[in-house]
Structures are given as C-alpha cells and as structure tokens.
C-alpha cells in the first residue's frame, strides 16, 4: 500500500504515516508538518511562543520541593436581600405578599441567610467566599456599590418586589425565594411573570432565566455555585502547548481560534526544538536525574503498582515531569498539553509522555495529550467544577448499553484522593515507553462529555464503569454503561475525543455552558433514537 492509499483508508485526510493512529504524530498531523518559521507564525495566532529558555531558568524543577499547581480561585458571592417596607393605610391594599415587611424582620432574615451561606461555605467541595448580606428595598440601590463590582455572582433574595435591574449588573445572578424554608417571599408569586417574562408570555432576559431561580433548597443553590466556580476558573485559562495548539483532524488554527473566542484561553507555546534542548540539559544535571530516579522509586513502591516495562522509561518520565513542571511555573500555567504524542516526543524524551501526563494530573495539574482543543476545554471545565482529575479518551461505538473508552494517560487519582491500582506498561501503539494501565473503579458513576468540532454543542450523559478490561488498544480502558438508547448515543455523538470524570456533574456542566453560548445536549433515557 502506498502512502496515498493509506491516507485515504485512515480518514480521508493527508496523513503520511504507514498505519492509522488514534494519537497524531509529527509525520501525519498538518499542524506539525510545517517549518520552524511557519510553526512560530502559526503558534503566535493563539498565544505566545516562549523562548530564551534554559534548564538553569527552570531550576525550581530540580529542587526537593517540586512546583505544584495553585488551588482554584474562590467564587466571590454577594447576597442581596430585597424587601418591602410596608406601611399600613386605611381601606386599601398596603402590603404585598410575603412575611418580611419590617426592618426587624429583614434583620432576622439577613441573619438566617448568613447562617445558611456559612453552612454552604463550610461543607462545600469548591472554594467560595460570601460577602456580608446587603439589605435594600430596591435592587437599584446597589448599582454602583463596590460589593457588586467585587462579586462574581449575586444571589438576590427576593422577599420584595423591586429586583428588576439586577440583570444589568454584568454579573451572574441567582434568584433565591422562600416557600417553606422561612417567611414566604413575594417573588415566589411574581418572579416568572414580572421578572423573567417581563409582563409577556416569553422569557425576555438574556442572562437570567428559569434555571437561575431556586426555591428553598440549599442543595440546588450549592450546585449552581459549584458550576459558576468552575466556569470562573476555566475562563481565561493559561495553558502550555508543547509543539503548538491544534484540533483533531481540523484545519490548522481554526479550533485554537474558537477556544480563544469562546473561553478566552491563553495558549503559551514551547517548540519541540526548545523542549529537546531543555531535556538534554536536565539529563546532564545530576541533581535532576537523581530526583527523577528517587521519585520513580517512590512511585513504583506504592501499593498496587506493578512495573511491566523498562525501568529507564519510568525514570525518563519523571525527568520529563520535572521539565514540564518547571515550564509551567515559568509560564505561570496550571495546565499543559503536548502535540506530537507519538513519533515526535519519544526520541526527544526517550520515553512516551503517557506516564508523565498521568503523574501531573494526579498532583492537581491539568495535563492532556494530543493538544486537541476540541475536547480540552471540556476537561478544564469538568476538572474545575469537580476539583478532580479528568480522563481524555477515545470513544468506540455504542452497543448493548455499553461503550468502551480508552487512552494511555489515565490519572490514578480520579477522585482526587485515592491512588487506584496500575500496571506500568508500554504505550500501546508504539510498544515503547511507560504508560499506566489504571484499574478504574467498577461501579463508579461518571460524567461523560463529547464536544463538537465547532464549539456549538456538547453531548453529555451520566455513565457508570462496568469493567476495566485489557484489550489490545490504548492501555487505560473502561467499559461505560448508560441508560439511553444506543442509537441515540451513536446519532448524537459529535467530534472525536471524549472527556470523563468521576461523579455526576451533568447539571453543573449544562448551567455553565449556557453562559458561553454552547448548547448542552444531555441525553435522556426517555428519548428515542
């Protein structure tokens, strides 16, 4: 078979390799088959090309205290209690619905709100800070308030009627109302016809709608705040792109431009030429090499870890890990991705990068293979919502209520805490280097995300791991069951790569996506193909 015939049989694009791969390498991905000058021009479209780097400038990576990722930024929330000051008048209606009509009652309600929010802050699995409750008779009193400017989110407690105007503050807004959790609020009656629908039959506000209304439930309030915390930490993400930014099987530059437009990502590029020099310098640093070997010893000595590849590959993975940490520290990034996952990086690092990406994810960084920015934003968002690592994978074809998802870079701490068993084997397609075969937990509930190529629609569903086989495919493998028709999954799955994370965060994902203009296509068991 000649190269042209092979390209046609792979996927119809101009691939120059001899076999079809799930992961691109430098020989067949358009984004990599350009000159250095052309590459630099392309890379700067989405961000900055880091230059003038040396191992000496990244010396922190060789210290006993390795660079570690920063924690998520807190969500700053301003609670505003809006209430009516009632004044008795003879022979006329002098008060609105609701149980808060005096300053004393409003003060008691502000105390109740403060106590409830303190409970959320204490129990939450995401960072959140609540400002003191502002108590007003009309929301417009807060238009120029410094508390509003500082806030990421405003919770309007609609005890009274004058909440119209909060939609213009330029902040995310949640309207909380009481039915049974305390004195009943006026907005329980009028939030739909007067506020959301603005005295019409249709929702009229661009940034506040029906799913921003919460009645009584602190749990319902909490998951919305979790979603908005994840969104805050995702927007403007600075990510280090080894070899540049791309998009699986998409024209050069298109997907990175979309990511910049939708998510405001800051793409920082390091060329493979520079990476190779840094690795060579690190390899000549006896302290760096000694640290890598020591870390490899610790890793391989952990319970549930078996070595089934050459030990040198593991040592080289930890040296690469130290180089990557130093680069991320230099670039002030908490996330990294590599393009040219196969033939390009292997001769440079003298190993596969699979185990390296796994160890970075376990320590709280966001580390992705393939530089596929079709799917990377979904991983960043899901990780920032859940606070846990995520698993970028190749999906297969749905059948019999199950789909197999696989890749070679699975984190071992998918719940953010527990180190799952792993066999350290070779990267499958090259049979080279070091990659973890993680035994992900059977019975574990998953959030499953499948983004489209155009950044317009993400398909999602709730799944459950039913098996972790060891087929001759990418090493980290899970069979995921779902409760929707197979044909529905097959017909609605867009793009290529999928993203999964432990736990069900499908509500939070949909709530966040509405704010960036992406359709949330959550599959339901009641739908038919």
Protein backbone atom coordinates (compact mmCIF):
# COMPACT_ATOMS: atom_id res chain seq x y z
CA UNK A 1 0.00 0.00 0.00
CA UNK A 2 1.46 3.41 -0.91
CA UNK A 3 1.21 6.47 1.31
CA UNK A 4 -1.70 7.94 -0.65
CA UNK A 5 -3.75 4.77 -0.35
CA UNK A 6 -3.02 4.57 3.38
CA UNK A 7 -4.10 8.17 3.89
CA UNK A 8 -7.42 7.51 2.19
CA UNK A 9 -8.07 4.42 4.27
CA UNK A 10 -7.23 6.19 7.55
CA UNK A 11 -9.69 9.07 7.39
CA UNK A 12 -9.50 10.85 4.08
CA UNK A 13 -7.04 13.49 5.27
CA UNK A 14 -3.43 13.95 4.24
CA UNK A 15 -1.86 11.56 6.73
CA UNK A 16 1.61 10.41 5.83
CA UNK A 17 2.12 7.56 8.28
CA UNK A 18 2.06 3.89 7.44
CA UNK A 19 -0.62 2.97 9.97
CA UNK A 20 -3.72 4.61 11.39
CA UNK A 21 -3.32 6.07 14.88
CA UNK A 22 -5.69 7.43 17.49
CA UNK A 23 -2.92 9.85 18.50
CA UNK A 24 -1.34 12.16 15.93
CA UNK A 25 2.40 12.14 15.36
CA UNK A 26 4.57 14.69 13.64
CA UNK A 27 4.54 12.88 10.31
CA UNK A 28 0.85 12.99 9.60
CA UNK A 29 -0.73 15.88 11.51
CA UNK A 30 -0.97 19.02 9.38
CA UNK A 31 -0.23 21.30 12.35
CA UNK A 32 3.17 19.68 12.88
CA UNK A 33 4.35 19.25 9.31
CA UNK A 34 5.45 22.89 8.90
CA UNK A 35 8.78 24.62 9.02
CA UNK A 36 10.04 26.21 12.25
CA UNK A 37 9.35 29.68 10.86
CA UNK A 38 5.90 28.65 9.72
CA UNK A 39 5.26 26.96 13.05
CA UNK A 40 6.16 30.06 15.02
CA UNK A 41 3.86 32.18 12.88
CA UNK A 42 1.01 29.71 13.39
CA UNK A 43 1.61 29.34 17.11
CA UNK A 44 1.52 33.05 17.82
CA UNK A 45 -2.03 33.29 16.46
CA UNK A 46 -3.39 31.70 19.63
CA UNK A 47 -0.90 32.94 22.19
CA UNK A 48 2.80 33.42 22.94
CA UNK A 49 5.84 31.38 21.94
CA UNK A 50 8.12 31.03 24.96
CA UNK A 51 11.76 31.48 24.08
CA UNK A 52 15.15 32.00 25.71
CA UNK A 53 14.59 29.04 27.99
CA UNK A 54 17.31 27.04 29.69
CA UNK A 55 17.32 24.39 32.38
CA UNK A 56 19.02 26.90 34.66
CA UNK A 57 15.97 29.19 34.38
CA UNK A 58 13.77 26.28 35.41
CA UNK A 59 15.95 25.36 38.41
CA UNK A 60 12.94 25.11 40.68
CA UNK A 61 12.07 21.84 38.98
CA UNK A 62 15.26 20.28 40.36
CA UNK A 63 14.62 21.27 43.97
CA UNK A 64 13.30 18.79 46.54
CA UNK A 65 10.08 20.83 46.72
CA UNK A 66 8.70 20.44 43.23
CA UNK A 67 6.48 23.14 41.75
CA UNK A 68 2.84 22.30 42.49
CA UNK A 69 -0.34 23.72 40.99
CA UNK A 70 -2.23 26.55 42.59
CA UNK A 71 -5.64 25.92 44.08
CA UNK A 72 -8.79 27.05 42.32
CA UNK A 73 -9.73 30.69 42.87
CA UNK A 74 -12.65 31.30 45.18
CA UNK A 75 -16.02 32.32 43.84
CA UNK A 76 -16.93 35.70 45.32
CA UNK A 77 -20.66 35.85 46.07
CA UNK A 78 -22.73 38.84 47.16
CA UNK A 79 -26.11 38.07 48.80
CA UNK A 80 -28.66 40.90 48.46
CA UNK A 81 -31.91 40.80 50.41
CA UNK A 82 -34.63 42.84 48.71
CA UNK A 83 -37.67 43.50 50.90
CA UNK A 84 -40.65 45.85 51.05
CA UNK A 85 -41.11 48.37 53.85
CA UNK A 86 -44.86 48.03 54.43
CA UNK A 87 -46.88 50.99 55.73
CA UNK A 88 -50.42 50.44 56.92
CA UNK A 89 -53.11 52.51 55.18
CA UNK A 90 -56.86 52.51 55.86
CA UNK A 91 -59.26 50.86 53.44
CA UNK A 92 -56.66 49.97 50.78
CA UNK A 93 -54.09 47.27 49.95
CA UNK A 94 -51.00 48.38 51.81
CA UNK A 95 -48.74 45.36 51.69
CA UNK A 96 -47.56 42.78 49.16
CA UNK A 97 -47.41 39.04 49.64
CA UNK A 98 -44.63 37.89 51.92
CA UNK A 99 -43.57 37.61 55.52
CA UNK A 100 -40.89 40.30 55.64
CA UNK A 101 -42.27 43.81 55.91
CA UNK A 102 -40.34 45.50 58.75
CA UNK A 103 -36.71 46.36 59.42
CA UNK A 104 -36.67 43.95 62.35
CA UNK A 105 -37.94 41.08 60.20
CA UNK A 106 -35.41 41.97 57.47
CA UNK A 107 -32.59 41.87 60.02
CA UNK A 108 -33.74 38.45 61.21
CA UNK A 109 -33.86 37.25 57.61
CA UNK A 110 -30.35 38.58 56.90
CA UNK A 111 -29.16 36.58 59.91
CA UNK A 112 -30.85 33.44 58.57
CA UNK A 113 -29.22 33.96 55.16
CA UNK A 114 -25.80 34.49 56.73
CA UNK A 115 -26.09 31.26 58.70
CA UNK A 116 -27.21 29.26 55.66
CA UNK A 117 -24.37 30.57 53.49
CA UNK A 118 -21.82 29.89 56.21
CA UNK A 119 -23.01 26.30 56.20
CA UNK A 120 -22.54 26.09 52.43
CA UNK A 121 -19.02 27.54 52.67
CA UNK A 122 -18.04 25.08 55.39
CA UNK A 123 -19.38 22.00 53.61
CA UNK A 124 -18.59 22.90 50.00
CA UNK A 125 -16.11 20.97 47.88
CA UNK A 126 -15.21 24.12 45.96
CA UNK A 127 -13.75 27.45 47.13
CA UNK A 128 -16.42 30.10 47.80
CA UNK A 129 -16.49 33.32 49.79
CA UNK A 130 -19.69 35.10 50.78
CA UNK A 131 -19.81 38.84 51.41
CA UNK A 132 -22.00 40.31 54.15
CA UNK A 133 -25.69 40.39 53.27
CA UNK A 134 -26.77 43.69 51.72
CA UNK A 135 -30.31 44.63 52.76
CA UNK A 136 -32.20 47.02 50.44
CA UNK A 137 -35.73 47.96 49.41
CA UNK A 138 -34.80 48.24 45.74
CA UNK A 139 -32.03 46.36 43.91
CA UNK A 140 -31.13 49.54 42.02
CA UNK A 141 -29.69 50.91 45.25
CA UNK A 142 -26.76 48.53 44.60
CA UNK A 143 -25.95 49.62 41.04
CA UNK A 144 -22.65 51.34 41.86
CA UNK A 145 -21.90 49.55 45.11
CA UNK A 146 -18.27 48.34 45.50
CA UNK A 147 -19.56 44.97 46.76
CA UNK A 148 -21.22 44.42 43.37
CA UNK A 149 -18.03 45.27 41.49
CA UNK A 150 -16.04 42.77 43.55
CA UNK A 151 -18.57 39.95 43.22
CA UNK A 152 -18.55 37.17 40.63
CA UNK A 153 -22.12 36.15 41.47
CA UNK A 154 -25.08 37.90 43.03
CA UNK A 155 -27.73 35.96 44.91
CA UNK A 156 -30.89 38.05 45.01
CA UNK A 157 -33.14 37.08 47.92
CA UNK A 158 -36.46 38.23 46.54
CA UNK A 159 -38.53 38.89 49.65
CA UNK A 160 -39.85 42.03 48.00
CA UNK A 161 -40.79 43.16 44.53
CA UNK A 162 -38.04 45.52 43.36
CA UNK A 163 -35.48 43.08 41.97
CA UNK A 164 -35.69 44.22 38.35
CA UNK A 165 -32.36 45.69 37.32
CA UNK A 166 -30.02 43.06 38.75
CA UNK A 167 -29.81 41.53 35.28
CA UNK A 168 -27.90 44.64 34.16
CA UNK A 169 -25.13 44.46 36.76
CA UNK A 170 -22.86 42.44 34.46
CA UNK A 171 -22.73 39.56 36.94
CA UNK A 172 -24.12 36.06 37.10
CA UNK A 173 -27.39 36.19 39.03
CA UNK A 174 -29.27 33.57 41.04
CA UNK A 175 -32.67 34.46 42.48
CA UNK A 176 -33.45 32.67 45.74
CA UNK A 177 -37.01 32.63 47.05
CA UNK A 178 -38.73 31.05 50.02
CA UNK A 179 -41.84 28.95 50.16
CA UNK A 180 -41.42 26.75 53.24
CA UNK A 181 -37.84 27.40 54.35
CA UNK A 182 -38.74 30.63 56.17
CA UNK A 183 -41.04 33.61 55.76
CA UNK A 184 -42.56 33.28 52.29
CA UNK A 185 -41.17 35.69 49.68
CA UNK A 186 -43.11 37.89 47.26
CA UNK A 187 -41.01 36.61 44.34
CA UNK A 188 -42.49 33.16 44.91
CA UNK A 189 -45.58 34.67 43.29
CA UNK A 190 -44.20 37.04 40.66
CA UNK A 191 -40.66 36.03 39.67
CA UNK A 192 -41.88 34.45 36.43
CA UNK A 193 -44.47 36.93 35.05
CA UNK A 194 -42.88 40.15 36.30
CA UNK A 195 -39.13 39.43 36.26
CA UNK A 196 -38.23 36.59 33.91
CA UNK A 197 -41.03 37.22 31.38
CA UNK A 198 -41.23 40.99 31.90
CA UNK A 199 -45.07 41.01 31.63
CA UNK A 200 -45.06 38.91 28.42
CA UNK A 201 -45.51 35.24 27.61
CA UNK A 202 -41.83 34.53 26.85
CA UNK A 203 -38.57 34.76 28.80
CA UNK A 204 -37.12 38.17 28.00
CA UNK A 205 -33.81 38.41 29.85
CA UNK A 206 -30.60 37.40 28.14
CA UNK A 207 -28.60 36.44 31.21
CA UNK A 208 -31.18 35.40 33.83
CA UNK A 209 -33.71 32.70 33.07
CA UNK A 210 -35.82 29.95 34.62
CA UNK A 211 -32.88 27.76 35.70
CA UNK A 212 -31.49 30.68 37.73
CA UNK A 213 -34.46 30.53 40.11
CA UNK A 214 -34.05 28.48 43.31
CA UNK A 215 -36.87 27.84 45.78
CA UNK A 216 -35.97 26.85 49.36
CA UNK A 217 -33.28 24.30 48.51
CA UNK A 218 -29.71 24.99 49.63
CA UNK A 219 -28.58 21.95 47.65
CA UNK A 220 -29.98 23.50 44.49
CA UNK A 221 -28.19 26.73 45.31
CA UNK A 222 -24.92 24.92 46.03
CA UNK A 223 -24.60 23.05 42.75
CA UNK A 224 -25.20 26.27 40.82
CA UNK A 225 -22.44 27.97 42.77
CA UNK A 226 -20.17 24.98 42.13
CA UNK A 227 -20.85 25.35 38.41
CA UNK A 228 -20.08 29.06 38.43
CA UNK A 229 -16.88 28.50 40.41
CA UNK A 230 -15.78 26.01 37.75
CA UNK A 231 -16.67 28.46 34.99
CA UNK A 232 -14.75 31.29 36.65
CA UNK A 233 -11.63 29.12 36.91
CA UNK A 234 -11.98 27.93 33.31
CA UNK A 235 -12.37 31.26 31.56
CA UNK A 236 -9.01 32.75 30.66
CA UNK A 237 -7.11 29.52 31.34
CA UNK A 238 -3.43 29.80 30.51
CA UNK A 239 -2.21 26.51 29.08
CA UNK A 240 1.25 25.44 27.96
CA UNK A 241 1.21 23.86 24.49
CA UNK A 242 4.22 21.70 23.73
CA UNK A 243 4.52 21.73 19.96
CA UNK A 244 1.66 24.16 19.48
CA UNK A 245 -2.14 24.10 19.67
CA UNK A 246 -4.32 22.04 17.36
CA UNK A 247 -7.62 20.28 16.94
CA UNK A 248 -8.13 16.65 15.97
CA UNK A 249 -8.49 16.33 12.16
CA UNK A 250 -9.40 20.02 11.84
CA UNK A 251 -7.84 22.74 9.64
CA UNK A 252 -4.86 24.44 11.18
CA UNK A 253 -5.67 27.32 13.52
CA UNK A 254 -9.46 27.04 13.39
CA UNK A 255 -10.02 25.28 16.71
CA UNK A 256 -7.47 27.33 18.72
CA UNK A 257 -9.16 30.48 17.43
CA UNK A 258 -12.54 29.16 18.59
CA UNK A 259 -11.13 28.33 22.02
CA UNK A 260 -9.79 31.87 22.30
CA UNK A 261 -13.15 33.31 21.27
CA UNK A 262 -15.38 31.14 23.48
CA UNK A 263 -13.18 30.56 26.53
CA UNK A 264 -10.53 33.30 26.27
CA UNK A 265 -7.78 30.70 26.66
CA UNK A 266 -4.20 31.96 26.67
CA UNK A 267 -2.13 29.47 24.67
CA UNK A 268 1.58 29.50 25.56
CA UNK A 269 3.76 27.54 23.15
CA UNK A 270 7.08 25.75 23.59
CA UNK A 271 8.66 24.30 20.46
CA UNK A 272 9.98 20.77 20.33
CA UNK A 273 13.39 22.18 19.45
CA UNK A 274 13.43 24.05 22.76
CA UNK A 275 11.98 21.12 24.67
CA UNK A 276 14.69 18.82 23.34
CA UNK A 277 17.40 21.21 24.47
CA UNK A 278 15.83 21.52 27.93
CA UNK A 279 15.63 17.75 28.35
CA UNK A 280 19.25 17.38 27.25
CA UNK A 281 20.32 19.98 29.81
CA UNK A 282 18.23 18.35 32.54
CA UNK A 283 19.74 14.97 31.71
CA UNK A 284 23.18 16.49 32.25
CA UNK A 285 22.10 17.76 35.69
CA UNK A 286 22.97 15.03 38.20
CA UNK A 287 20.59 16.52 40.80
CA UNK A 288 17.67 16.47 38.39
CA UNK A 289 18.42 12.89 37.33
CA UNK A 290 18.81 11.77 40.94
CA UNK A 291 15.50 13.39 41.88
CA UNK A 292 13.74 11.70 38.95
CA UNK A 293 15.06 8.29 39.98
CA UNK A 294 14.08 8.88 43.60
CA UNK A 295 10.57 9.89 42.58
CA UNK A 296 10.32 6.84 40.32
CA UNK A 297 11.36 4.62 43.25
CA UNK A 298 8.61 6.14 45.39
CA UNK A 299 6.02 5.80 42.66
CA UNK A 300 6.82 2.18 41.85
CA UNK A 301 6.94 1.33 45.55
CA UNK A 302 3.37 2.37 46.17
CA UNK A 303 0.88 -0.44 46.86
CA UNK A 304 -0.96 -1.67 43.80
CA UNK A 305 1.78 -0.61 41.36
CA UNK A 306 3.49 -3.15 39.09
CA UNK A 307 6.27 -2.49 36.60
CA UNK A 308 5.91 -4.24 33.23
CA UNK A 309 8.20 -2.09 31.08
CA UNK A 310 11.83 -0.98 31.29
CA UNK A 311 12.66 0.92 34.45
CA UNK A 312 14.62 3.52 32.43
CA UNK A 313 11.41 4.57 30.71
CA UNK A 314 9.88 5.39 34.09
CA UNK A 315 12.92 7.37 35.21
CA UNK A 316 12.78 9.34 31.96
CA UNK A 317 9.07 10.04 32.51
CA UNK A 318 9.80 11.61 35.87
CA UNK A 319 12.61 13.70 34.40
CA UNK A 320 10.16 14.88 31.73
CA UNK A 321 7.65 15.58 34.51
CA UNK A 322 10.20 17.87 36.19
CA UNK A 323 10.87 19.72 32.94
CA UNK A 324 7.14 20.21 32.39
CA UNK A 325 6.63 21.48 35.95
CA UNK A 326 9.46 23.95 35.50
CA UNK A 327 7.99 25.18 32.22
CA UNK A 328 4.54 25.60 33.74
CA UNK A 329 6.00 27.52 36.66
CA UNK A 330 7.92 29.76 34.26
CA UNK A 331 4.80 30.41 32.17
CA UNK A 332 2.52 30.68 35.24
CA UNK A 333 0.34 27.87 33.86
CA UNK A 334 -1.60 25.19 35.70
CA UNK A 335 -2.33 23.23 32.51
CA UNK A 336 -0.25 21.60 29.78
CA UNK A 337 -0.82 19.69 26.57
CA UNK A 338 1.53 18.06 24.07
CA UNK A 339 1.17 17.78 20.32
CA UNK A 340 3.01 15.03 18.51
CA UNK A 341 2.32 12.41 21.13
CA UNK A 342 3.99 9.60 19.26
CA UNK A 343 7.00 9.89 16.95
CA UNK A 344 7.88 13.46 17.89
CA UNK A 345 8.24 13.33 21.66
CA UNK A 346 9.57 9.80 22.02
CA UNK A 347 13.05 10.34 20.52
CA UNK A 348 13.37 13.59 22.48
CA UNK A 349 12.25 12.29 25.88
CA UNK A 350 13.44 8.69 25.31
CA UNK A 351 10.09 7.53 26.61
CA UNK A 352 6.41 8.07 25.94
CA UNK A 353 4.80 11.03 27.73
CA UNK A 354 1.83 8.96 28.93
CA UNK A 355 3.01 8.29 32.49
CA UNK A 356 4.23 11.88 32.81
CA UNK A 357 0.80 13.28 32.00
CA UNK A 358 -0.74 10.83 34.46
CA UNK A 359 1.53 11.92 37.32
CA UNK A 360 0.89 15.60 36.61
CA UNK A 361 -2.87 15.01 36.71
CA UNK A 362 -2.56 13.10 39.98
CA UNK A 363 -0.82 16.09 41.57
CA UNK A 364 -3.56 18.52 40.51
CA UNK A 365 -2.30 19.93 37.23
CA UNK A 366 -4.39 19.57 34.08
CA UNK A 367 -2.32 17.57 31.60
CA UNK A 368 -3.65 16.44 28.23
CA UNK A 369 -2.20 14.58 25.27
CA UNK A 370 -2.66 15.41 21.59
CA UNK A 371 -3.17 19.17 22.02
CA UNK A 372 -6.74 18.62 20.89
CA UNK A 373 -8.53 21.85 21.75
CA UNK A 374 -11.79 20.42 20.50
CA UNK A 375 -12.01 18.49 23.78
CA UNK A 376 -9.53 20.18 26.15
CA UNK A 377 -11.96 22.93 27.26
CA UNK A 378 -14.39 20.26 28.44
CA UNK A 379 -11.66 18.72 30.58
CA UNK A 380 -10.68 22.07 32.04
CA UNK A 381 -14.30 22.90 32.87
CA UNK A 382 -15.12 19.49 34.35
CA UNK A 383 -11.96 19.49 36.46
CA UNK A 384 -12.64 23.00 37.73
CA UNK A 385 -16.20 22.07 38.64
CA UNK A 386 -15.38 18.77 40.34
CA UNK A 387 -11.95 19.61 41.72
CA UNK A 388 -10.72 16.22 40.46
CA UNK A 389 -8.59 14.94 37.57
CA UNK A 390 -10.27 14.04 34.29
CA UNK A 391 -9.60 11.42 31.63
CA UNK A 392 -9.32 12.35 27.94
CA UNK A 393 -10.15 9.30 25.85
CA UNK A 394 -11.04 7.78 22.51
CA UNK A 395 -14.65 6.56 22.32
CA UNK A 396 -15.65 3.48 20.36
CA UNK A 397 -19.11 2.57 19.03
CA UNK A 398 -22.06 2.26 21.44
CA UNK A 399 -23.75 -1.14 21.61
CA UNK A 400 -25.81 -3.14 24.09
CA UNK A 401 -25.89 -0.22 26.52
CA UNK A 402 -22.07 -0.02 26.73
CA UNK A 403 -19.25 1.93 25.12
CA UNK A 404 -15.50 1.38 25.56
CA UNK A 405 -13.39 4.45 26.29
CA UNK A 406 -9.60 4.20 26.15
CA UNK A 407 -6.33 6.14 26.14
CA UNK A 408 -2.85 5.77 27.63
CA UNK A 409 -2.73 8.75 30.00
CA UNK A 410 -5.29 7.93 32.70
CA UNK A 411 -4.82 9.56 36.12
CA UNK A 412 -4.64 7.21 39.12
CA UNK A 413 -6.39 9.65 41.47
CA UNK A 414 -9.62 10.13 39.58
CA UNK A 415 -11.45 11.02 42.81
CA UNK A 416 -8.69 13.45 43.74
CA UNK A 417 -7.57 11.34 46.71
CA UNK A 418 -7.37 7.56 46.20
CA UNK A 419 -4.48 6.05 44.26
CA UNK A 420 -6.00 3.27 42.15
CA UNK A 421 -4.03 0.16 41.18
CA UNK A 422 -1.99 0.40 38.00
CA UNK A 423 0.25 -1.71 35.80
CA UNK A 424 3.04 0.38 34.29
CA UNK A 425 3.32 -0.91 30.74
CA UNK A 426 4.35 0.45 27.35
CA UNK A 427 2.38 2.90 25.26
CA UNK A 428 0.25 0.55 23.16
CA UNK A 429 0.72 1.69 19.58
CA UNK A 430 4.49 2.11 19.81
CA UNK A 431 5.06 -0.62 22.43
CA UNK A 432 7.58 1.81 23.87
CA UNK A 433 8.00 3.97 26.93
CA UNK A 434 5.87 3.94 30.06
CA UNK A 435 2.09 4.24 30.35
CA UNK A 436 -0.25 3.41 33.23
CA UNK A 437 -2.94 0.78 32.89
CA UNK A 438 -5.17 2.18 35.64
CA UNK A 439 -7.76 -0.12 37.21
CA UNK A 440 -10.54 2.44 37.38
CA UNK A 441 -13.24 1.55 39.90
CA UNK A 442 -16.10 -0.63 38.72
CA UNK A 443 -19.47 0.80 39.69
CA UNK A 444 -18.14 4.37 39.65
CA UNK A 445 -20.59 6.96 38.31
CA UNK A 446 -19.15 9.22 35.60
CA UNK A 447 -19.82 12.48 33.85
CA UNK A 448 -19.29 11.83 30.14
CA UNK A 449 -18.69 14.74 27.73
CA UNK A 450 -18.44 14.71 23.93
CA UNK A 451 -17.73 18.19 22.48
CA UNK A 452 -18.34 19.04 18.82
CA UNK A 453 -15.76 20.40 16.39
CA UNK A 454 -17.49 23.80 16.07
CA UNK A 455 -17.74 24.68 19.80
CA UNK A 456 -21.52 24.85 19.40
CA UNK A 457 -22.83 21.68 21.06
CA UNK A 458 -21.57 19.30 23.73
CA UNK A 459 -23.27 15.95 24.10
CA UNK A 460 -23.27 14.56 27.59
CA UNK A 461 -24.62 11.72 29.67
CA UNK A 462 -24.34 10.03 33.03
CA UNK A 463 -22.40 6.77 32.82
CA UNK A 464 -21.12 4.01 35.09
CA UNK A 465 -17.97 1.92 34.84
CA UNK A 466 -18.89 -1.75 34.45
CA UNK A 467 -15.47 -3.13 33.50
CA UNK A 468 -11.81 -2.16 33.11
CA UNK A 469 -10.58 -4.67 30.51
CA UNK A 470 -7.14 -5.08 28.96
CA UNK A 471 -7.85 -5.30 25.24
CA UNK A 472 -5.11 -4.68 22.62
CA UNK A 473 -5.96 -0.97 22.45
CA UNK A 474 -4.88 2.12 24.42
CA UNK A 475 -3.92 0.99 27.91
CA UNK A 476 -6.40 2.79 30.18
CA UNK A 477 -9.71 1.18 29.32
CA UNK A 478 -13.20 1.35 30.76
CA UNK A 479 -16.48 -0.10 29.59
CA UNK A 480 -19.10 2.51 30.42
CA UNK A 481 -22.80 1.68 30.72
CA UNK A 482 -25.55 4.24 30.16
CA UNK A 483 -29.33 4.22 30.32
CA UNK A 484 -30.14 5.78 26.95
CA UNK A 485 -30.76 4.03 23.60
CA UNK A 486 -27.60 3.00 21.73
CA UNK A 487 -28.80 4.59 18.51
CA UNK A 488 -29.40 7.87 20.31
CA UNK A 489 -25.79 7.90 21.52
CA UNK A 490 -24.49 6.92 18.07
CA UNK A 491 -26.52 9.54 16.23
CA UNK A 492 -25.81 12.41 18.61
CA UNK A 493 -22.11 11.88 19.44
CA UNK A 494 -20.13 14.72 17.78
CA UNK A 495 -16.40 15.40 17.40
CA UNK A 496 -14.00 12.60 18.27
CA UNK A 497 -12.34 12.63 21.70
CA UNK A 498 -14.46 12.40 24.85
CA UNK A 499 -13.80 13.51 28.41
CA UNK A 500 -14.89 11.76 31.61
CA UNK A 501 -14.64 12.47 35.32
CA UNK A 502 -15.77 10.70 38.48
CA UNK A 503 -19.15 11.85 39.83
CA UNK A 504 -22.29 13.23 38.24
CA UNK A 505 -21.78 16.88 37.32
CA UNK A 506 -24.10 16.99 34.33
CA UNK A 507 -26.28 19.71 35.87
CA UNK A 508 -23.28 21.91 36.60
CA UNK A 509 -21.90 21.45 33.08
CA UNK A 510 -25.16 22.50 31.43
CA UNK A 511 -25.55 25.50 33.73
CA UNK A 512 -22.05 26.73 32.83
CA UNK A 513 -22.33 26.10 29.09
CA UNK A 514 -25.37 28.35 28.77
CA UNK A 515 -23.15 31.27 29.72
CA UNK A 516 -20.67 30.69 26.90
CA UNK A 517 -23.23 30.02 24.18
CA UNK A 518 -22.69 26.27 23.82
CA UNK A 519 -25.74 24.00 23.61
CA UNK A 520 -25.90 21.32 26.30
CA UNK A 521 -27.20 18.15 24.66
CA UNK A 522 -27.71 15.90 27.68
CA UNK A 523 -29.10 12.56 26.56
CA UNK A 524 -32.16 11.31 28.40
CA UNK A 525 -33.46 7.80 28.96
CA UNK A 526 -36.90 8.95 27.78
CA UNK A 527 -35.65 9.99 24.34
CA UNK A 528 -35.88 7.67 21.35
CA UNK A 529 -33.41 7.47 18.51
